[in-house]
């Protein structure tokens, strides 16, 4: 008799049907670089114009949310020296920060227009200004995004460039 009650409680509790409803309505938009690669080591080839000796690196800013936002979002980028040092320390590398005269970006700030989820920041590399004996690094990070959260794991894109 004393074993019947515990067994009854166990078997009867198994009959409860709890419906779990997931509520995603509280999730807020996050601004990210969708192809961000830090801290992963790797590099995907970019567009190259070998005739002019110019390489274009593409850095994107994206609203990571179920739908586009209904207002513009201003995203500011920076060249992040600390990420370059951290990359060199983690991978035992000796990349030099790419000098400012070796690249051009029209502005380190872009606007993701309302109704759009992604915008491109083109960075033009000028290989003729690079010293061929060194390897360079260009870490581009999102610094801010008009009051929105910046995804910590997807805020930095690191480009490693080899001297020729």
C-alpha atoms as a PDB file:
ATOM      1  CA  UNK A   1       0.000   0.000   0.000  1.00  0.00           C
ATOM      2  CA  UNK A   2       2.794   2.419   0.835  1.00  0.00           C
ATOM      3  CA  UNK A   3       4.253   1.854  -2.683  1.00  0.00           C
ATOM      4  CA  UNK A   4       0.971   2.463  -4.489  1.00  0.00           C
ATOM      5  CA  UNK A   5       0.742   6.177  -3.673  1.00  0.00           C
ATOM      6  CA  UNK A   6       4.265   7.082  -4.973  1.00  0.00           C
ATOM      7  CA  UNK A   7       3.678   5.037  -8.150  1.00  0.00           C
ATOM      8  CA  UNK A   8       0.276   6.652  -8.639  1.00  0.00           C
ATOM      9  CA  UNK A   9       1.819  10.120  -8.293  1.00  0.00           C
ATOM     10  CA  UNK A  10       4.519   9.319 -10.817  1.00  0.00           C
ATOM     11  CA  UNK A  11       2.157   7.814 -13.390  1.00  0.00           C
ATOM     12  CA  UNK A  12      -0.567  10.430 -12.977  1.00  0.00           C
ATOM     13  CA  UNK A  13       1.866  13.319 -13.270  1.00  0.00           C
ATOM     14  CA  UNK A  14       2.977  11.929 -16.624  1.00  0.00           C
ATOM     15  CA  UNK A  15      -0.514  12.618 -17.969  1.00  0.00           C
ATOM     16  CA  UNK A  16      -0.162  16.400 -17.630  1.00  0.00           C
ATOM     17  CA  UNK A  17       0.019  18.193 -20.957  1.00  0.00           C
ATOM     18  CA  UNK A  18       2.016  21.389 -20.629  1.00  0.00           C
ATOM     19  CA  UNK A  19       1.980  23.381 -23.843  1.00  0.00           C
ATOM     20  CA  UNK A  20       5.105  25.481 -24.161  1.00  0.00           C
ATOM     21  CA  UNK A  21       4.528  28.589 -26.234  1.00  0.00           C
ATOM     22  CA  UNK A  22       7.619  30.415 -27.388  1.00  0.00           C
ATOM     23  CA  UNK A  23       7.241  34.185 -27.365  1.00  0.00           C
ATOM     24  CA  UNK A  24       9.718  35.980 -29.598  1.00  0.00           C
ATOM     25  CA  UNK A  25       7.960  39.343 -29.440  1.00  0.00           C
ATOM     26  CA  UNK A  26      10.520  40.761 -26.989  1.00  0.00           C
ATOM     27  CA  UNK A  27      13.527  40.188 -29.256  1.00  0.00           C
ATOM     28  CA  UNK A  28      15.084  43.476 -30.304  1.00  0.00           C
ATOM     29  CA  UNK A  29      17.000  44.160 -33.542  1.00  0.00           C
ATOM     30  CA  UNK A  30      20.776  43.661 -33.467  1.00  0.00           C
ATOM     31  CA  UNK A  31      23.230  45.326 -35.854  1.00  0.00           C
ATOM     32  CA  UNK A  32      25.954  42.967 -37.140  1.00  0.00           C
ATOM     33  CA  UNK A  33      28.562  42.468 -39.842  1.00  0.00           C
ATOM     34  CA  UNK A  34      27.008  39.315 -41.376  1.00  0.00           C
ATOM     35  CA  UNK A  35      30.258  37.896 -42.730  1.00  0.00           C
ATOM     36  CA  UNK A  36      32.282  38.830 -39.648  1.00  0.00           C
ATOM     37  CA  UNK A  37      35.165  36.456 -39.095  1.00  0.00           C
ATOM     38  CA  UNK A  38      36.738  37.375 -35.774  1.00  0.00           C
ATOM     39  CA  UNK A  39      37.898  35.333 -33.890  1.00  0.00           C
ATOM     40  CA  UNK A  40      37.819  32.732 -36.670  1.00  0.00           C
ATOM     41  CA  UNK A  41      40.979  32.572 -38.777  1.00  0.00           C
ATOM     42  CA  UNK A  42      40.189  32.653 -42.433  1.00  0.00           C
ATOM     43  CA  UNK A  43      39.802  34.893 -45.426  1.00  0.00           C
ATOM     44  CA  UNK A  44      37.535  34.792 -48.433  1.00  0.00           C
ATOM     45  CA  UNK A  45      38.938  36.291 -51.641  1.00  0.00           C
ATOM     46  CA  UNK A  46      37.467  39.669 -52.547  1.00  0.00           C
ATOM     47  CA  UNK A  47      36.962  41.503 -55.826  1.00  0.00           C
ATOM     48  CA  UNK A  48      40.255  42.514 -57.448  1.00  0.00           C
ATOM     49  CA  UNK A  49      41.005  44.888 -60.305  1.00  0.00           C
ATOM     50  CA  UNK A  50      44.510  43.782 -61.273  1.00  0.00           C
ATOM     51  CA  UNK A  51      44.863  46.285 -64.122  1.00  0.00           C
ATOM     52  CA  UNK A  52      44.529  49.305 -61.818  1.00  0.00           C
ATOM     53  CA  UNK A  53      46.198  47.570 -58.878  1.00  0.00           C
ATOM     54  CA  UNK A  54      43.181  48.206 -56.663  1.00  0.00           C
ATOM     55  CA  UNK A  55      41.386  45.773 -54.415  1.00  0.00           C
ATOM     56  CA  UNK A  56      37.957  46.370 -52.979  1.00  0.00           C
ATOM     57  CA  UNK A  57      37.052  44.878 -49.621  1.00  0.00           C
ATOM     58  CA  UNK A  58      33.354  44.645 -48.793  1.00  0.00           C
ATOM     59  CA  UNK A  59      32.182  45.312 -45.251  1.00  0.00           C
ATOM     60  CA  UNK A  60      28.448  44.982 -44.672  1.00  0.00           C
ATOM     61  CA  UNK A  61      26.212  46.245 -41.900  1.00  0.00           C
ATOM     62  CA  UNK A  62      23.014  44.273 -41.389  1.00  0.00           C
ATOM     63  CA  UNK A  63      19.915  44.532 -39.228  1.00  0.00           C
ATOM     64  CA  UNK A  64      19.526  41.061 -37.751  1.00  0.00           C
ATOM     65  CA  UNK A  65      15.793  40.941 -37.159  1.00  0.00           C
ATOM     66  CA  UNK A  66      12.752  39.187 -38.540  1.00  0.00           C
ATOM     67  CA  UNK A  67      11.909  42.133 -40.802  1.00  0.00           C
ATOM     68  CA  UNK A  68      13.452  45.433 -41.922  1.00  0.00           C
ATOM     69  CA  UNK A  69      13.126  48.380 -39.577  1.00  0.00           C
ATOM     70  CA  UNK A  70      10.764  51.268 -40.280  1.00  0.00           C
ATOM     71  CA  UNK A  71      13.415  53.948 -39.698  1.00  0.00           C
ATOM     72  CA  UNK A  72      16.962  54.682 -40.834  1.00  0.00           C
ATOM     73  CA  UNK A  73      19.863  53.333 -38.759  1.00  0.00           C
ATOM     74  CA  UNK A  74      23.206  55.146 -38.809  1.00  0.00           C
ATOM     75  CA  UNK A  75      26.131  52.752 -38.304  1.00  0.00           C
ATOM     76  CA  UNK A  76      29.630  54.001 -37.471  1.00  0.00           C
ATOM     77  CA  UNK A  77      32.726  51.918 -38.205  1.00  0.00           C
ATOM     78  CA  UNK A  78      36.260  52.220 -36.804  1.00  0.00           C
ATOM     79  CA  UNK A  79      39.646  50.708 -37.563  1.00  0.00           C
ATOM     80  CA  UNK A  80      40.161  48.774 -34.323  1.00  0.00           C
ATOM     81  CA  UNK A  81      43.855  48.637 -33.358  1.00  0.00           C
ATOM     82  CA  UNK A  82      43.126  46.510 -30.281  1.00  0.00           C
ATOM     83  CA  UNK A  83      41.625  43.767 -32.465  1.00  0.00           C
ATOM     84  CA  UNK A  84      44.788  43.729 -34.592  1.00  0.00           C
ATOM     85  CA  UNK A  85      46.936  43.192 -31.490  1.00  0.00           C
ATOM     86  CA  UNK A  86      44.595  40.524 -30.161  1.00  0.00           C
ATOM     87  CA  UNK A  87      44.620  38.723 -33.529  1.00  0.00           C
ATOM     88  CA  UNK A  88      48.438  38.731 -33.648  1.00  0.00           C
ATOM     89  CA  UNK A  89      48.662  37.445 -30.062  1.00  0.00           C
ATOM     90  CA  UNK A  90      46.093  34.683 -30.565  1.00  0.00           C
ATOM     91  CA  UNK A  91      47.511  33.358 -33.841  1.00  0.00           C
ATOM     92  CA  UNK A  92      51.202  34.060 -33.229  1.00  0.00           C
ATOM     93  CA  UNK A  93      51.239  36.334 -36.268  1.00  0.00           C
ATOM     94  CA  UNK A  94      53.150  39.523 -37.005  1.00  0.00           C
ATOM     95  CA  UNK A  95      50.717  41.538 -39.116  1.00  0.00           C
ATOM     96  CA  UNK A  96      51.208  45.299 -39.221  1.00  0.00           C
ATOM     97  CA  UNK A  97      48.229  47.610 -39.108  1.00  0.00           C
ATOM     98  CA  UNK A  98      47.533  48.790 -42.653  1.00  0.00           C
ATOM     99  CA  UNK A  99      48.691  52.442 -42.939  1.00  0.00           C
ATOM    100  CA  UNK A 100      45.979  55.015 -43.666  1.00  0.00           C
ATOM    101  CA  UNK A 101      47.491  55.872 -47.074  1.00  0.00           C
ATOM    102  CA  UNK A 102      47.001  52.251 -48.206  1.00  0.00           C
ATOM    103  CA  UNK A 103      43.191  52.259 -48.106  1.00  0.00           C
ATOM    104  CA  UNK A 104      40.232  54.526 -48.778  1.00  0.00           C
ATOM    105  CA  UNK A 105      36.719  54.433 -47.409  1.00  0.00           C
ATOM    106  CA  UNK A 106      34.433  57.280 -48.467  1.00  0.00           C
ATOM    107  CA  UNK A 107      33.079  57.472 -44.954  1.00  0.00           C
ATOM    108  CA  UNK A 108      33.370  55.251 -41.942  1.00  0.00           C
ATOM    109  CA  UNK A 109      29.666  55.821 -41.412  1.00  0.00           C
ATOM    110  CA  UNK A 110      26.783  54.415 -43.425  1.00  0.00           C
ATOM    111  CA  UNK A 111      23.016  54.517 -43.135  1.00  0.00           C
ATOM    112  CA  UNK A 112      20.799  51.459 -43.413  1.00  0.00           C
ATOM    113  CA  UNK A 113      17.643  52.965 -44.958  1.00  0.00           C
ATOM    114  CA  UNK A 114      14.196  52.153 -43.601  1.00  0.00           C
ATOM    115  CA  UNK A 115      12.825  49.014 -45.238  1.00  0.00           C
ATOM    116  CA  UNK A 116      16.327  47.675 -45.972  1.00  0.00           C
ATOM    117  CA  UNK A 117      18.271  45.134 -43.932  1.00  0.00           C
ATOM    118  CA  UNK A 118      21.800  45.411 -45.311  1.00  0.00           C
ATOM    119  CA  UNK A 119      24.165  48.062 -46.695  1.00  0.00           C
ATOM    120  CA  UNK A 120      27.715  47.859 -48.065  1.00  0.00           C
ATOM    121  CA  UNK A 121      30.746  49.875 -46.931  1.00  0.00           C
ATOM    122  CA  UNK A 122      33.336  49.514 -49.725  1.00  0.00           C
ATOM    123  CA  UNK A 123      36.974  49.825 -48.640  1.00  0.00           C
ATOM    124  CA  UNK A 124      39.439  50.332 -51.480  1.00  0.00           C
ATOM    125  CA  UNK A 125      42.957  48.980 -50.946  1.00  0.00           C
ATOM    126  CA  UNK A 126      45.851  50.685 -52.756  1.00  0.00           C
ATOM    127  CA  UNK A 127      48.548  47.980 -53.105  1.00  0.00           C
ATOM    128  CA  UNK A 128      51.067  50.410 -54.628  1.00  0.00           C
ATOM    129  CA  UNK A 129      51.375  52.170 -51.260  1.00  0.00           C
ATOM    130  CA  UNK A 130      52.060  48.940 -49.358  1.00  0.00           C
ATOM    131  CA  UNK A 131      55.582  47.830 -48.485  1.00  0.00           C
ATOM    132  CA  UNK A 132      55.861  44.365 -50.101  1.00  0.00           C
ATOM    133  CA  UNK A 133      58.060  42.945 -47.349  1.00  0.00           C
ATOM    134  CA  UNK A 134      55.284  43.149 -44.732  1.00  0.00           C
ATOM    135  CA  UNK A 135      51.940  41.499 -44.188  1.00  0.00           C
ATOM    136  CA  UNK A 136      49.147  43.809 -43.105  1.00  0.00           C
ATOM    137  CA  UNK A 137      45.918  43.598 -41.166  1.00  0.00           C
ATOM    138  CA  UNK A 138      42.831  45.793 -41.411  1.00  0.00           C
ATOM    139  CA  UNK A 139      40.317  45.196 -38.582  1.00  0.00           C
ATOM    140  CA  UNK A 140      37.021  47.012 -39.244  1.00  0.00           C
ATOM    141  CA  UNK A 141      34.557  47.100 -36.330  1.00  0.00           C
ATOM    142  CA  UNK A 142      31.113  48.546 -35.753  1.00  0.00           C
ATOM    143  CA  UNK A 143      31.530  51.291 -33.130  1.00  0.00           C
ATOM    144  CA  UNK A 144      27.876  52.273 -32.726  1.00  0.00           C
ATOM    145  CA  UNK A 145      24.473  51.886 -34.341  1.00  0.00           C
ATOM    146  CA  UNK A 146      21.999  54.664 -33.419  1.00  0.00           C
ATOM    147  CA  UNK A 147      20.983  53.200 -30.066  1.00  0.00           C
ATOM    148  CA  UNK A 148      20.623  49.618 -31.275  1.00  0.00           C
ATOM    149  CA  UNK A 149      22.573  46.707 -29.844  1.00  0.00           C
ATOM    150  CA  UNK A 150      25.694  45.719 -31.764  1.00  0.00           C
ATOM    151  CA  UNK A 151      26.211  41.942 -31.881  1.00  0.00           C
ATOM    152  CA  UNK A 152      29.371  41.263 -29.853  1.00  0.00           C
ATOM    153  CA  UNK A 153      30.338  38.175 -31.881  1.00  0.00           C
ATOM    154  CA  UNK A 154      29.625  39.773 -35.260  1.00  0.00           C
ATOM    155  CA  UNK A 155      30.987  43.295 -34.966  1.00  0.00           C
ATOM    156  CA  UNK A 156      34.520  42.934 -36.375  1.00  0.00           C
ATOM    157  CA  UNK A 157      35.723  41.918 -39.821  1.00  0.00           C
ATOM    158  CA  UNK A 158      39.462  41.293 -40.074  1.00  0.00           C
ATOM    159  CA  UNK A 159      41.194  41.402 -43.430  1.00  0.00           C
ATOM    160  CA  UNK A 160      44.730  40.037 -43.686  1.00  0.00           C
ATOM    161  CA  UNK A 161      46.681  41.340 -46.653  1.00  0.00           C
ATOM    162  CA  UNK A 162      49.969  39.982 -47.927  1.00  0.00           C
ATOM    163  CA  UNK A 163      52.675  42.284 -49.260  1.00  0.00           C
ATOM    164  CA  UNK A 164      53.613  41.507 -52.861  1.00  0.00           C
END
